[in-house]
Amino acid sequence: MPSYSISDLARELDITTRAIRFYEEQGLLSPERRGQERIYSARDKVSLKLILRGKRIGFSLAECRELIQLYDPLGDNQKQLHSMLGKIAERRAQLDQQMLDIQQMQIELDSAEERCYTALKAAHVSSPTSA
């Protein structure tokens, strides 16, 4: 069974050792200890990959933890995959709503900007110094 040092994982996954220690403190990784040295398993490596992937698509650490707990290296991971699909659908719905909110805000900004230009133009035309 392969094992990894903290520096091996950091280098391979392009993250800091500090980040790895943080995920360990959060209970997401559970390396063995040999004195002061941490020895990470293949499962820890998979967990770390799930965390990093989850972060990229906006999952919380709690959601990542849930997916990690469903991981079974000897099984087909159907439950984990279905859970992930559900979380992806939820995240997609959140992003869709955020896009709608942003579009509405852009419309409101356009409207406010137009009112400002109209008011400036009206003030300039009616100003006694503009004649």
Protein backbone atom coordinates (compact mmCIF):
# COMPACT_ATOMS: atom_id res chain seq x y z
CA MET A 1 0.00 0.00 0.00
CA PRO A 2 1.58 3.32 -1.02
CA SER A 3 2.31 5.95 1.60
CA TYR A 4 3.26 9.60 1.33
CA SER A 5 5.01 12.20 3.39
CA ILE A 6 3.40 15.61 3.84
CA SER A 7 5.97 17.11 1.44
CA ASP A 8 5.22 14.38 -1.15
CA LEU A 9 1.51 15.26 -1.10
CA ALA A 10 2.14 18.99 -1.10
CA ARG A 11 4.43 18.75 -4.12
CA GLU A 12 2.24 16.30 -6.03
CA LEU A 13 -1.02 18.19 -5.45
CA ASP A 14 0.53 21.67 -5.59
CA ILE A 15 -0.65 22.83 -2.17
CA THR A 16 1.16 23.92 0.97
CA THR A 17 2.03 21.66 3.86
CA ARG A 18 0.19 24.19 6.02
CA ALA A 19 -3.03 23.52 4.08
CA ILE A 20 -2.58 19.77 4.55
CA ARG A 21 -2.09 20.25 8.30
CA PHE A 22 -5.23 22.43 8.38
CA TYR A 23 -7.31 19.68 6.74
CA GLU A 24 -5.85 17.24 9.23
CA GLU A 25 -6.86 19.54 12.12
CA GLN A 26 -10.37 19.65 10.67
CA GLY A 27 -10.54 15.86 10.81
CA LEU A 28 -10.55 15.41 7.04
CA LEU A 29 -7.23 13.54 6.94
CA SER A 30 -5.87 11.00 9.41
CA PRO A 31 -2.22 10.19 8.79
CA GLU A 32 -0.29 7.67 10.84
CA ARG A 33 2.48 9.01 13.02
CA ARG A 34 6.01 7.76 13.20
CA GLY A 35 7.44 9.97 15.89
CA GLN A 36 7.01 13.51 14.56
CA GLU A 37 6.59 12.34 10.96
CA ARG A 38 3.16 12.11 9.36
CA ILE A 39 2.61 9.17 7.00
CA TYR A 40 -0.34 9.62 4.65
CA SER A 41 -2.15 6.70 3.02
CA ALA A 42 -3.62 6.38 -0.45
CA ARG A 43 -7.01 7.08 1.17
CA ASP A 44 -5.65 10.37 2.58
CA LYS A 45 -4.44 11.28 -0.91
CA VAL A 46 -7.89 10.57 -2.39
CA SER A 47 -9.49 12.57 0.43
CA LEU A 48 -7.18 15.49 -0.27
CA LYS A 49 -8.03 15.34 -3.97
CA LEU A 50 -11.76 15.37 -3.10
CA ILE A 51 -11.24 18.39 -0.83
CA LEU A 52 -9.36 20.32 -3.51
CA ARG A 53 -11.89 19.44 -6.21
CA GLY A 54 -14.74 20.34 -3.85
CA LYS A 55 -13.18 23.71 -3.04
CA ARG A 56 -12.79 24.52 -6.75
CA ILE A 57 -16.50 23.99 -7.35
CA GLY A 58 -17.59 25.82 -4.21
CA PHE A 59 -18.31 23.03 -1.74
CA SER A 60 -17.95 23.78 1.96
CA LEU A 61 -15.59 21.75 4.13
CA ALA A 62 -18.64 20.10 5.69
CA GLU A 63 -19.80 18.97 2.24
CA CYS A 64 -16.30 17.70 1.47
CA ARG A 65 -16.27 15.82 4.78
CA GLU A 66 -19.59 14.17 3.91
CA LEU A 67 -18.26 13.01 0.53
CA ILE A 68 -15.03 11.72 2.09
CA GLN A 69 -16.97 9.72 4.65
CA LEU A 70 -18.86 8.01 1.82
CA TYR A 71 -15.66 7.00 0.03
CA ASP A 72 -14.99 3.27 0.02
CA PRO A 73 -11.74 2.26 -1.70
CA LEU A 74 -12.99 -1.31 -2.07
CA GLY A 75 -16.51 -0.50 -3.27
CA ASP A 76 -18.06 1.06 -6.34
CA ASN A 77 -18.81 4.32 -4.47
CA GLN A 78 -22.33 4.58 -5.90
CA LYS A 79 -23.60 6.32 -2.75
CA GLN A 80 -20.74 8.83 -2.86
CA LEU A 81 -21.28 9.51 -6.56
CA HIS A 82 -25.03 10.04 -6.11
CA SER A 83 -24.37 12.36 -3.19
CA MET A 84 -21.87 14.30 -5.26
CA LEU A 85 -24.34 14.60 -8.13
CA GLY A 86 -26.89 16.01 -5.69
CA LYS A 87 -24.40 18.54 -4.36
CA ILE A 88 -23.43 19.52 -7.90
CA ALA A 89 -27.09 20.13 -8.75
CA GLU A 90 -27.49 22.25 -5.60
CA ARG A 91 -24.36 24.26 -6.40
CA ARG A 92 -25.50 24.76 -9.99
CA ALA A 93 -28.89 26.06 -8.75
CA GLN A 94 -27.10 28.47 -6.40
CA LEU A 95 -24.92 29.75 -9.24
CA ASP A 96 -27.95 30.14 -11.53
CA GLN A 97 -29.68 32.23 -8.85
CA GLN A 98 -26.54 34.32 -8.35
CA MET A 99 -26.38 34.93 -12.11
CA LEU A 100 -29.98 36.11 -12.11
CA ASP A 101 -29.27 38.37 -9.13
CA ILE A 102 -26.23 39.84 -10.91
CA GLN A 103 -28.23 40.43 -14.10
CA GLN A 104 -30.97 42.19 -12.10
CA MET A 105 -28.36 44.35 -10.36
CA GLN A 106 -26.84 45.27 -13.75
CA ILE A 107 -30.28 46.37 -14.97
CA GLU A 108 -30.72 48.48 -11.85
CA LEU A 109 -27.24 50.00 -12.27
CA ASP A 110 -27.98 50.80 -15.93
CA SER A 111 -31.22 52.48 -14.89
CA ALA A 112 -29.55 54.51 -12.11
CA GLU A 113 -26.76 55.53 -14.47
CA GLU A 114 -29.25 56.66 -17.12
CA ARG A 115 -31.17 58.73 -14.53
CA CYS A 116 -27.90 60.39 -13.46
CA TYR A 117 -26.99 61.30 -17.05
CA THR A 118 -30.51 62.61 -17.67
CA ALA A 119 -30.39 64.72 -14.51
CA LEU A 120 -26.95 66.08 -15.41
CA LYS A 121 -28.11 66.94 -18.93
CA ALA A 122 -31.25 68.65 -17.60
CA ALA A 123 -29.21 70.62 -15.04
CA HIS A 124 -26.69 71.68 -17.71
CA VAL A 125 -29.43 72.85 -20.12
CA SER A 126 -31.31 74.84 -17.48
CA SER A 127 -28.17 76.35 -15.93
CA PRO A 128 -27.92 80.17 -16.44
CA THR A 129 -24.19 79.86 -17.17
CA SER A 130 -24.78 77.47 -20.08
CA ALA A 131 -26.58 80.03 -22.21
